[in-house]
Amino acid sequence: MSNLLAGLLEEIKIVFSSNLAMQDKYSYITTEINNFQTQRTPVVEGWEWSFWEHIRNSVIYKFGQYL
């Protein structure tokens, strides 16, 4: 197995073990919802994109809320 694949497998184990260590499912879900709404993805240097904001703005534009 390559070092890259071994490293990826180790990171996956860490993520799953930390997710399973959360005290209850509700707090895990609310944390993920908060992350989805607040985390932005860098597209190019100086520009970040948020899927949550994209969907929100698309719905607002569709129904004329910004007119």
C-alpha atoms as a PDB file:
ATOM      1  CA  MET A   1       0.000   0.000   0.000  1.00  0.00           C
ATOM      2  CA  SER A   2       1.347   3.416  -0.911  1.00  0.00           C
ATOM      3  CA  ASN A   3       2.168   5.990   1.739  1.00  0.00           C
ATOM      4  CA  LEU A   4      -0.507   8.310   0.352  1.00  0.00           C
ATOM      5  CA  LEU A   5      -3.220   5.675   0.630  1.00  0.00           C
ATOM      6  CA  ALA A   6      -2.072   4.701   4.114  1.00  0.00           C
ATOM      7  CA  GLY A   7      -2.194   8.361   5.169  1.00  0.00           C
ATOM      8  CA  LEU A   8      -5.695   8.789   3.774  1.00  0.00           C
ATOM      9  CA  LEU A   9      -6.918   5.686   5.571  1.00  0.00           C
ATOM     10  CA  GLU A  10      -5.462   6.978   8.825  1.00  0.00           C
ATOM     11  CA  GLU A  11      -7.231  10.332   8.389  1.00  0.00           C
ATOM     12  CA  ILE A  12     -10.530   8.563   7.672  1.00  0.00           C
ATOM     13  CA  LYS A  13     -10.140   6.535  10.876  1.00  0.00           C
ATOM     14  CA  ILE A  14      -9.536   9.720  12.866  1.00  0.00           C
ATOM     15  CA  VAL A  15     -12.626  11.411  11.401  1.00  0.00           C
ATOM     16  CA  PHE A  16     -14.888   8.434  12.088  1.00  0.00           C
ATOM     17  CA  SER A  17     -13.579   7.923  15.603  1.00  0.00           C
ATOM     18  CA  SER A  18     -14.075  11.599  16.457  1.00  0.00           C
ATOM     19  CA  ASN A  19     -17.618  11.555  15.020  1.00  0.00           C
ATOM     20  CA  LEU A  20     -18.527   8.451  16.997  1.00  0.00           C
ATOM     21  CA  ALA A  21     -17.142   9.995  20.159  1.00  0.00           C
ATOM     22  CA  MET A  22     -19.764  12.759  20.168  1.00  0.00           C
ATOM     23  CA  GLN A  23     -22.151  12.401  23.060  1.00  0.00           C
ATOM     24  CA  ASP A  24     -25.376  12.329  21.125  1.00  0.00           C
ATOM     25  CA  LYS A  25     -26.684  12.405  17.575  1.00  0.00           C
ATOM     26  CA  TYR A  26     -28.531  15.689  17.988  1.00  0.00           C
ATOM     27  CA  SER A  27     -25.389  17.657  18.819  1.00  0.00           C
ATOM     28  CA  TYR A  28     -23.568  16.058  15.868  1.00  0.00           C
ATOM     29  CA  ILE A  29     -26.370  16.998  13.465  1.00  0.00           C
ATOM     30  CA  THR A  30     -26.660  20.564  14.750  1.00  0.00           C
ATOM     31  CA  THR A  31     -22.879  20.970  14.475  1.00  0.00           C
ATOM     32  CA  GLU A  32     -22.928  19.764  10.867  1.00  0.00           C
ATOM     33  CA  ILE A  33     -25.831  22.079  10.002  1.00  0.00           C
ATOM     34  CA  ASN A  34     -23.947  25.017  11.500  1.00  0.00           C
ATOM     35  CA  ASN A  35     -20.798  24.082   9.568  1.00  0.00           C
ATOM     36  CA  PHE A  36     -22.793  23.822   6.330  1.00  0.00           C
ATOM     37  CA  GLN A  37     -24.260  27.282   6.828  1.00  0.00           C
ATOM     38  CA  THR A  38     -21.048  29.028   7.891  1.00  0.00           C
ATOM     39  CA  GLN A  39     -18.106  27.377   6.125  1.00  0.00           C
ATOM     40  CA  ARG A  40     -17.061  28.823   2.803  1.00  0.00           C
ATOM     41  CA  THR A  41     -15.055  27.118   0.058  1.00  0.00           C
ATOM     42  CA  PRO A  42     -12.200  29.028  -1.605  1.00  0.00           C
ATOM     43  CA  VAL A  43     -12.760  29.002  -5.380  1.00  0.00           C
ATOM     44  CA  VAL A  44      -9.881  31.197  -6.501  1.00  0.00           C
ATOM     45  CA  GLU A  45      -7.595  33.532  -4.631  1.00  0.00           C
ATOM     46  CA  GLY A  46      -9.712  36.197  -2.969  1.00  0.00           C
ATOM     47  CA  TRP A  47     -13.082  34.572  -3.715  1.00  0.00           C
ATOM     48  CA  GLU A  48     -14.962  32.142  -1.494  1.00  0.00           C
ATOM     49  CA  TRP A  49     -18.233  30.355  -2.244  1.00  0.00           C
ATOM     50  CA  SER A  50     -20.945  28.992   0.034  1.00  0.00           C
ATOM     51  CA  PHE A  51     -23.426  26.401  -1.205  1.00  0.00           C
ATOM     52  CA  TRP A  52     -25.933  27.404   1.479  1.00  0.00           C
ATOM     53  CA  GLU A  53     -25.802  31.064   0.420  1.00  0.00           C
ATOM     54  CA  HIS A  54     -26.026  30.061  -3.257  1.00  0.00           C
ATOM     55  CA  ILE A  55     -29.269  28.118  -2.680  1.00  0.00           C
ATOM     56  CA  ARG A  56     -30.702  30.843  -0.444  1.00  0.00           C
ATOM     57  CA  ASN A  57     -29.986  33.576  -3.002  1.00  0.00           C
ATOM     58  CA  SER A  58     -31.321  31.451  -5.870  1.00  0.00           C
ATOM     59  CA  VAL A  59     -34.651  31.002  -4.066  1.00  0.00           C
ATOM     60  CA  ILE A  60     -34.827  34.697  -3.178  1.00  0.00           C
ATOM     61  CA  TYR A  61     -34.136  35.746  -6.786  1.00  0.00           C
ATOM     62  CA  LYS A  62     -36.631  33.208  -8.161  1.00  0.00           C
ATOM     63  CA  PHE A  63     -39.469  34.570  -6.061  1.00  0.00           C
ATOM     64  CA  GLY A  64     -38.534  38.234  -6.538  1.00  0.00           C
ATOM     65  CA  GLN A  65     -37.524  39.043  -2.975  1.00  0.00           C
ATOM     66  CA  TYR A  66     -34.653  41.290  -4.203  1.00  0.00           C
ATOM     67  CA  LEU A  67     -36.762  43.289  -6.678  1.00  0.00           C
END
